[in-house]
Amino acid sequence: MYNELEQENFAYGIMEETHLRGTVYGYIRVSTKEQNEDRQRIAMEEAGVPERNVYMDKQSGKDFNRPQYRKLLRKLKKDDLLYVGSIDRLGRNYEEILQQWRYLTKDKGIDIVVLDMPLLDTRRGKDLMGTFLSDIVLQVLSFVAENERTNIRQRQAEGIAAAKARGVRFGRPPQPLPPNFHSVFQQWRQGQITGTAAARECGMPLSTFRYRAEIYKNSKLL
């Protein structure tokens, strides 16, 4: 007779074997092109995911409209197995993570393994209690992932505000003023020419001339 641990390992072995009928895939995501995905690739290699079956997006996790993820979805079929490094690599939107998880496991009929969270392995705990525990863990982690995205946006906004307060300018630097700007500005300011004529003389749109003229005037007052 098998003891309880042996029975569990035996059952788990059977579940692993069922995936021999399907294909093993991996999904990697980093938020920007500058971020390094090597750690996730190593994790996929250690999990036995063939390199050709690893799909990667360098894009925000705010939604699931990502080219490689959409391509992966078209590949996945019943009994396939999908590895992700962590739940936030799948996405960072709480509601969409839950919807996507249910779509993959229920509609697509695949299994998912989250490598840094052993409880999120749909090959295990197929009974009611196992499903219940997995759902709780998934909801908590999904909430944490979205909350972190919110915190990141907040930190970015605070950082930009602080930089602006220090006089840091964002965006492209303005084009240098044309050599005749001062004389044209004086003529326009004294009412000798119209704004349209002044803008034409400086080779810029009227709105741009007025904007640059306001900055120029204020700089002379300092």
C-alpha atoms as a PDB file:
ATOM      1  CA  MET A   1       0.000   0.000   0.000  1.00  0.00           C
ATOM      2  CA  TYR A   2       1.204   3.506  -0.800  1.00  0.00           C
ATOM      3  CA  ASN A   3       1.407   6.011   2.012  1.00  0.00           C
ATOM      4  CA  GLU A   4      -0.190   9.438   1.555  1.00  0.00           C
ATOM      5  CA  LEU A   5       2.983  11.128   0.255  1.00  0.00           C
ATOM      6  CA  GLU A   6       3.646   8.332  -2.241  1.00  0.00           C
ATOM      7  CA  GLN A   7       0.066   8.549  -3.478  1.00  0.00           C
ATOM      8  CA  GLU A   8       0.400  12.302  -3.964  1.00  0.00           C
ATOM      9  CA  ASN A   9       3.696  11.939  -5.834  1.00  0.00           C
ATOM     10  CA  PHE A  10       2.232   9.143  -7.951  1.00  0.00           C
ATOM     11  CA  ALA A  11      -0.784  11.275  -8.822  1.00  0.00           C
ATOM     12  CA  TYR A  12       1.458  14.231  -9.604  1.00  0.00           C
ATOM     13  CA  GLY A  13       3.579  12.015 -11.856  1.00  0.00           C
ATOM     14  CA  ILE A  14       0.469  11.014 -13.772  1.00  0.00           C
ATOM     15  CA  MET A  15      -0.487  14.677 -14.180  1.00  0.00           C
ATOM     16  CA  GLU A  16       2.996  15.450 -15.492  1.00  0.00           C
ATOM     17  CA  GLU A  17       2.742  12.641 -17.989  1.00  0.00           C
ATOM     18  CA  THR A  18      -0.530  13.975 -19.369  1.00  0.00           C
ATOM     19  CA  HIS A  19       1.397  16.947 -20.677  1.00  0.00           C
ATOM     20  CA  LEU A  20       3.432  14.657 -22.864  1.00  0.00           C
ATOM     21  CA  ARG A  21       0.374  14.802 -25.116  1.00  0.00           C
ATOM     22  CA  GLY A  22       0.513  18.587 -25.209  1.00  0.00           C
ATOM     23  CA  THR A  23       3.223  21.190 -25.689  1.00  0.00           C
ATOM     24  CA  VAL A  24       5.168  23.051 -23.024  1.00  0.00           C
ATOM     25  CA  TYR A  25       5.393  26.833 -23.456  1.00  0.00           C
ATOM     26  CA  GLY A  26       6.895  29.713 -21.524  1.00  0.00           C
ATOM     27  CA  TYR A  27       5.979  33.384 -21.392  1.00  0.00           C
ATOM     28  CA  ILE A  28       8.372  36.198 -20.453  1.00  0.00           C
ATOM     29  CA  ARG A  29       7.600  39.881 -20.067  1.00  0.00           C
ATOM     30  CA  VAL A  30       9.720  42.890 -19.195  1.00  0.00           C
ATOM     31  CA  SER A  31       8.283  46.393 -19.056  1.00  0.00           C
ATOM     32  CA  THR A  32      10.877  48.207 -21.175  1.00  0.00           C
ATOM     33  CA  LYS A  33      13.426  47.418 -23.868  1.00  0.00           C
ATOM     34  CA  GLU A  34      16.197  48.336 -21.423  1.00  0.00           C
ATOM     35  CA  GLN A  35      15.212  45.692 -18.859  1.00  0.00           C
ATOM     36  CA  ASN A  36      17.054  42.376 -18.912  1.00  0.00           C
ATOM     37  CA  GLU A  37      15.061  39.177 -19.271  1.00  0.00           C
ATOM     38  CA  ASP A  38      17.953  36.764 -18.585  1.00  0.00           C
ATOM     39  CA  ARG A  39      16.679  35.728 -15.144  1.00  0.00           C
ATOM     40  CA  GLN A  40      13.329  34.726 -16.598  1.00  0.00           C
ATOM     41  CA  ARG A  41      14.986  32.864 -19.469  1.00  0.00           C
ATOM     42  CA  ILE A  42      17.153  30.899 -17.049  1.00  0.00           C
ATOM     43  CA  ALA A  43      14.061  29.981 -15.029  1.00  0.00           C
ATOM     44  CA  MET A  44      12.342  28.737 -18.203  1.00  0.00           C
ATOM     45  CA  GLU A  45      15.387  26.679 -19.157  1.00  0.00           C
ATOM     46  CA  GLU A  46      15.537  25.133 -15.692  1.00  0.00           C
ATOM     47  CA  ALA A  47      11.831  24.274 -15.950  1.00  0.00           C
ATOM     48  CA  GLY A  48      12.529  22.397 -19.182  1.00  0.00           C
ATOM     49  CA  VAL A  49      10.768  24.777 -21.571  1.00  0.00           C
ATOM     50  CA  PRO A  50      12.221  24.488 -25.100  1.00  0.00           C
ATOM     51  CA  GLU A  51      13.733  27.801 -26.194  1.00  0.00           C
ATOM     52  CA  ARG A  52      11.664  27.776 -29.384  1.00  0.00           C
ATOM     53  CA  ASN A  53       8.497  27.725 -27.271  1.00  0.00           C
ATOM     54  CA  VAL A  54       9.351  30.763 -25.164  1.00  0.00           C
ATOM     55  CA  TYR A  55       7.461  33.929 -26.095  1.00  0.00           C
ATOM     56  CA  MET A  56       8.573  37.331 -24.842  1.00  0.00           C
ATOM     57  CA  ASP A  57       7.122  40.844 -24.837  1.00  0.00           C
ATOM     58  CA  LYS A  58       8.975  43.997 -23.897  1.00  0.00           C
ATOM     59  CA  GLN A  59       5.888  45.933 -22.968  1.00  0.00           C
ATOM     60  CA  SER A  60       3.869  47.194 -20.014  1.00  0.00           C
ATOM     61  CA  GLY A  61       1.627  44.709 -18.218  1.00  0.00           C
ATOM     62  CA  LYS A  62      -1.290  47.139 -18.016  1.00  0.00           C
ATOM     63  CA  ASP A  63      -3.299  44.974 -20.447  1.00  0.00           C
ATOM     64  CA  PHE A  64      -2.983  41.821 -22.572  1.00  0.00           C
ATOM     65  CA  ASN A  65      -2.773  43.533 -25.950  1.00  0.00           C
ATOM     66  CA  ARG A  66       0.817  42.411 -26.540  1.00  0.00           C
ATOM     67  CA  PRO A  67       2.005  40.931 -29.873  1.00  0.00           C
ATOM     68  CA  GLN A  68       3.909  37.895 -28.585  1.00  0.00           C
ATOM     69  CA  TYR A  69       1.287  37.065 -25.985  1.00  0.00           C
ATOM     70  CA  ARG A  70      -1.446  37.196 -28.648  1.00  0.00           C
ATOM     71  CA  LYS A  71       0.698  34.944 -30.842  1.00  0.00           C
ATOM     72  CA  LEU A  72       1.129  32.520 -27.924  1.00  0.00           C
ATOM     73  CA  LEU A  73      -2.635  32.433 -27.363  1.00  0.00           C
ATOM     74  CA  ARG A  74      -3.145  31.288 -30.947  1.00  0.00           C
ATOM     75  CA  LYS A  75      -0.667  28.432 -30.366  1.00  0.00           C
ATOM     76  CA  LEU A  76      -2.073  27.148 -27.076  1.00  0.00           C
ATOM     77  CA  LYS A  77      -4.442  24.188 -27.211  1.00  0.00           C
ATOM     78  CA  LYS A  78      -6.011  21.755 -24.787  1.00  0.00           C
ATOM     79  CA  ASP A  79      -3.575  19.887 -22.498  1.00  0.00           C
ATOM     80  CA  ASP A  80      -0.704  22.298 -23.189  1.00  0.00           C
ATOM     81  CA  LEU A  81       1.338  23.597 -20.255  1.00  0.00           C
ATOM     82  CA  LEU A  82       2.320  27.248 -19.787  1.00  0.00           C
ATOM     83  CA  TYR A  83       5.079  28.471 -17.469  1.00  0.00           C
ATOM     84  CA  VAL A  84       5.346  32.080 -16.254  1.00  0.00           C
ATOM     85  CA  GLY A  85       7.980  33.356 -13.869  1.00  0.00           C
ATOM     86  CA  SER A  86       5.596  35.266 -11.615  1.00  0.00           C
ATOM     87  CA  ILE A  87       2.033  36.513 -11.768  1.00  0.00           C
ATOM     88  CA  ASP A  88       3.117  40.102 -12.488  1.00  0.00           C
ATOM     89  CA  ARG A  89       4.950  38.871 -15.606  1.00  0.00           C
ATOM     90  CA  LEU A  90       1.569  37.699 -16.868  1.00  0.00           C
ATOM     91  CA  GLY A  91       0.035  41.113 -16.189  1.00  0.00           C
ATOM     92  CA  ARG A  92      -0.589  43.900 -13.706  1.00  0.00           C
ATOM     93  CA  ASN A  93      -4.314  44.528 -14.105  1.00  0.00           C
ATOM     94  CA  TYR A  94      -6.249  42.724 -11.367  1.00  0.00           C
ATOM     95  CA  GLU A  95      -9.495  42.065 -13.237  1.00  0.00           C
ATOM     96  CA  GLU A  96      -7.789  41.177 -16.517  1.00  0.00           C
ATOM     97  CA  ILE A  97      -5.394  38.717 -14.857  1.00  0.00           C
ATOM     98  CA  LEU A  98      -8.335  36.844 -13.329  1.00  0.00           C
ATOM     99  CA  GLN A  99     -10.256  36.874 -16.612  1.00  0.00           C
ATOM    100  CA  GLN A 100      -7.221  35.706 -18.581  1.00  0.00           C
ATOM    101  CA  TRP A 101      -6.448  32.953 -16.066  1.00  0.00           C
ATOM    102  CA  ARG A 102      -9.989  31.597 -16.340  1.00  0.00           C
ATOM    103  CA  TYR A 103      -9.883  31.841 -20.129  1.00  0.00           C
ATOM    104  CA  LEU A 104      -6.620  29.874 -20.302  1.00  0.00           C
ATOM    105  CA  THR A 105      -7.583  27.175 -17.804  1.00  0.00           C
ATOM    106  CA  LYS A 106     -11.309  26.824 -18.538  1.00  0.00           C
ATOM    107  CA  ASP A 107     -11.811  27.807 -22.184  1.00  0.00           C
ATOM    108  CA  LYS A 108      -8.406  26.802 -23.553  1.00  0.00           C
ATOM    109  CA  GLY A 109      -8.076  23.816 -21.211  1.00  0.00           C
ATOM    110  CA  ILE A 110      -4.381  24.315 -20.486  1.00  0.00           C
ATOM    111  CA  ASP A 111      -2.415  24.124 -17.249  1.00  0.00           C
ATOM    112  CA  ILE A 112      -0.413  27.034 -15.837  1.00  0.00           C
ATOM    113  CA  VAL A 113       2.598  26.975 -13.543  1.00  0.00           C
ATOM    114  CA  VAL A 114       3.765  30.160 -11.803  1.00  0.00           C
ATOM    115  CA  LEU A 115       7.382  29.380 -10.998  1.00  0.00           C
ATOM    116  CA  ASP A 116       7.822  31.609  -7.953  1.00  0.00           C
ATOM    117  CA  MET A 117       4.538  30.502  -6.356  1.00  0.00           C
ATOM    118  CA  PRO A 118       4.196  26.682  -6.083  1.00  0.00           C
ATOM    119  CA  LEU A 119       0.545  26.958  -4.996  1.00  0.00           C
ATOM    120  CA  LEU A 120      -0.253  28.384  -8.433  1.00  0.00           C
ATOM    121  CA  ASP A 121       0.243  25.147 -10.333  1.00  0.00           C
ATOM    122  CA  THR A 122      -3.024  23.980 -11.879  1.00  0.00           C
ATOM    123  CA  ARG A 123      -1.679  20.440 -12.307  1.00  0.00           C
ATOM    124  CA  ARG A 124      -1.981  20.057  -8.543  1.00  0.00           C
ATOM    125  CA  GLY A 125      -5.052  20.317  -6.390  1.00  0.00           C
ATOM    126  CA  LYS A 126      -7.702  19.522  -8.960  1.00  0.00           C
ATOM    127  CA  ASP A 127     -10.138  18.821  -6.138  1.00  0.00           C
ATOM    128  CA  LEU A 128     -12.461  21.456  -4.651  1.00  0.00           C
ATOM    129  CA  MET A 129     -10.096  22.450  -1.820  1.00  0.00           C
ATOM    130  CA  GLY A 130      -7.094  22.748  -4.138  1.00  0.00           C
ATOM    131  CA  THR A 131      -9.055  24.903  -6.570  1.00  0.00           C
ATOM    132  CA  PHE A 132     -10.326  27.055  -3.703  1.00  0.00           C
ATOM    133  CA  LEU A 133      -6.811  27.662  -2.362  1.00  0.00           C
ATOM    134  CA  SER A 134      -5.437  28.417  -5.834  1.00  0.00           C
ATOM    135  CA  ASP A 135      -8.210  30.946  -6.459  1.00  0.00           C
ATOM    136  CA  ILE A 136      -7.453  32.729  -3.187  1.00  0.00           C
ATOM    137  CA  VAL A 137      -3.714  32.881  -3.925  1.00  0.00           C
ATOM    138  CA  LEU A 138      -4.376  34.054  -7.484  1.00  0.00           C
ATOM    139  CA  GLN A 139      -6.669  36.846  -6.351  1.00  0.00           C
ATOM    140  CA  VAL A 140      -4.228  38.043  -3.716  1.00  0.00           C
ATOM    141  CA  LEU A 141      -1.254  38.026  -6.085  1.00  0.00           C
ATOM    142  CA  SER A 142      -3.254  39.703  -8.853  1.00  0.00           C
ATOM    143  CA  PHE A 143      -4.244  42.459  -6.449  1.00  0.00           C
ATOM    144  CA  VAL A 144      -0.621  42.879  -5.349  1.00  0.00           C
ATOM    145  CA  ALA A 145       0.511  43.083  -9.000  1.00  0.00           C
ATOM    146  CA  GLU A 146      -1.997  45.840  -9.836  1.00  0.00           C
ATOM    147  CA  ASN A 147      -1.290  47.676  -6.589  1.00  0.00           C
ATOM    148  CA  GLU A 148       2.412  47.710  -7.459  1.00  0.00           C
ATOM    149  CA  ARG A 149       1.599  49.131 -10.908  1.00  0.00           C
ATOM    150  CA  THR A 150      -0.412  51.891  -9.211  1.00  0.00           C
ATOM    151  CA  ASN A 151       2.466  52.607  -6.846  1.00  0.00           C
ATOM    152  CA  ILE A 152       4.914  52.761  -9.762  1.00  0.00           C
ATOM    153  CA  ARG A 153       2.748  55.331 -11.542  1.00  0.00           C
ATOM    154  CA  GLN A 154       2.442  57.340  -8.321  1.00  0.00           C
ATOM    155  CA  ARG A 155       6.211  57.297  -7.771  1.00  0.00           C
ATOM    156  CA  GLN A 156       6.791  58.371 -11.377  1.00  0.00           C
ATOM    157  CA  ALA A 157       4.331  61.261 -11.036  1.00  0.00           C
ATOM    158  CA  GLU A 158       5.934  62.372  -7.777  1.00  0.00           C
ATOM    159  CA  GLY A 159       9.399  62.135  -9.334  1.00  0.00           C
ATOM    160  CA  ILE A 160       8.366  64.239 -12.344  1.00  0.00           C
ATOM    161  CA  ALA A 161       6.724  66.843 -10.109  1.00  0.00           C
ATOM    162  CA  ALA A 162       9.846  67.052  -7.939  1.00  0.00           C
ATOM    163  CA  ALA A 163      12.080  67.372 -11.005  1.00  0.00           C
ATOM    164  CA  LYS A 164       9.920  70.158 -12.432  1.00  0.00           C
ATOM    165  CA  ALA A 165      10.092  71.948  -9.085  1.00  0.00           C
ATOM    166  CA  ARG A 166      13.894  71.836  -9.393  1.00  0.00           C
ATOM    167  CA  GLY A 167      13.659  73.384 -12.848  1.00  0.00           C
ATOM    168  CA  VAL A 168      14.200  70.201 -14.876  1.00  0.00           C
ATOM    169  CA  ARG A 169      12.528  70.457 -18.276  1.00  0.00           C
ATOM    170  CA  PHE A 170      10.966  67.478 -20.057  1.00  0.00           C
ATOM    171  CA  GLY A 171      10.405  66.925 -23.748  1.00  0.00           C
ATOM    172  CA  ARG A 172      12.408  68.115 -26.730  1.00  0.00           C
ATOM    173  CA  PRO A 173      14.464  71.291 -26.279  1.00  0.00           C
ATOM    174  CA  PRO A 174      13.032  74.293 -28.182  1.00  0.00           C
ATOM    175  CA  GLN A 175      14.534  75.244 -31.535  1.00  0.00           C
ATOM    176  CA  PRO A 176      16.870  78.263 -31.422  1.00  0.00           C
ATOM    177  CA  LEU A 177      15.262  81.594 -32.276  1.00  0.00           C
ATOM    178  CA  PRO A 178      15.931  82.887 -35.814  1.00  0.00           C
ATOM    179  CA  PRO A 179      18.513  85.690 -36.074  1.00  0.00           C
ATOM    180  CA  ASN A 180      15.834  88.267 -36.932  1.00  0.00           C
ATOM    181  CA  PHE A 181      13.544  87.387 -34.036  1.00  0.00           C
ATOM    182  CA  HIS A 182      14.513  90.342 -31.832  1.00  0.00           C
ATOM    183  CA  SER A 183      13.884  92.956 -34.505  1.00  0.00           C
ATOM    184  CA  VAL A 184      10.651  91.315 -35.641  1.00  0.00           C
ATOM    185  CA  PHE A 185       9.527  91.004 -32.024  1.00  0.00           C
ATOM    186  CA  GLN A 186      10.120  94.710 -31.440  1.00  0.00           C
ATOM    187  CA  GLN A 187       8.169  95.640 -34.567  1.00  0.00           C
ATOM    188  CA  TRP A 188       5.287  93.413 -33.562  1.00  0.00           C
ATOM    189  CA  ARG A 189       5.299  94.654 -29.963  1.00  0.00           C
ATOM    190  CA  GLN A 190       5.204  98.272 -31.120  1.00  0.00           C
ATOM    191  CA  GLY A 191       2.281  97.489 -33.429  1.00  0.00           C
ATOM    192  CA  GLN A 192       4.233  98.103 -36.635  1.00  0.00           C
ATOM    193  CA  ILE A 193       3.396  94.636 -38.038  1.00  0.00           C
ATOM    194  CA  THR A 194       0.716  92.037 -37.318  1.00  0.00           C
ATOM    195  CA  GLY A 195       1.357  88.767 -35.550  1.00  0.00           C
ATOM    196  CA  THR A 196       0.731  86.885 -38.804  1.00  0.00           C
ATOM    197  CA  ALA A 197       3.357  88.977 -40.595  1.00  0.00           C
ATOM    198  CA  ALA A 198       5.806  88.566 -37.703  1.00  0.00           C
ATOM    199  CA  ALA A 199       5.342  84.795 -37.699  1.00  0.00           C
ATOM    200  CA  ARG A 200       5.898  84.705 -41.466  1.00  0.00           C
ATOM    201  CA  GLU A 201       9.080  86.761 -41.130  1.00  0.00           C
ATOM    202  CA  CYS A 202      10.383  84.306 -38.512  1.00  0.00           C
ATOM    203  CA  GLY A 203       9.327  81.229 -40.494  1.00  0.00           C
ATOM    204  CA  MET A 204       7.054  79.781 -37.832  1.00  0.00           C
ATOM    205  CA  PRO A 205       3.322  79.279 -37.203  1.00  0.00           C
ATOM    206  CA  LEU A 206       1.474  82.163 -35.564  1.00  0.00           C
ATOM    207  CA  SER A 207       0.783  80.142 -32.411  1.00  0.00           C
ATOM    208  CA  THR A 208       4.477  79.300 -32.103  1.00  0.00           C
ATOM    209  CA  PHE A 209       5.491  82.925 -32.608  1.00  0.00           C
ATOM    210  CA  ARG A 210       3.122  84.106 -29.877  1.00  0.00           C
ATOM    211  CA  TYR A 211       4.341  81.381 -27.520  1.00  0.00           C
ATOM    212  CA  ARG A 212       8.019  82.168 -28.134  1.00  0.00           C
ATOM    213  CA  ALA A 213       7.336  85.912 -27.953  1.00  0.00           C
ATOM    214  CA  GLU A 214       5.749  85.517 -24.513  1.00  0.00           C
ATOM    215  CA  ILE A 215       8.759  83.567 -23.249  1.00  0.00           C
ATOM    216  CA  TYR A 216      11.127  86.099 -24.846  1.00  0.00           C
ATOM    217  CA  LYS A 217       9.306  89.025 -23.224  1.00  0.00           C
ATOM    218  CA  ASN A 218       9.368  87.402 -19.790  1.00  0.00           C
ATOM    219  CA  SER A 219      13.065  86.605 -20.099  1.00  0.00           C
ATOM    220  CA  LYS A 220      13.792  90.290 -20.760  1.00  0.00           C
ATOM    221  CA  LEU A 221      11.873  91.274 -17.639  1.00  0.00           C
ATOM    222  CA  LEU A 222      13.959  89.064 -15.334  1.00  0.00           C
END
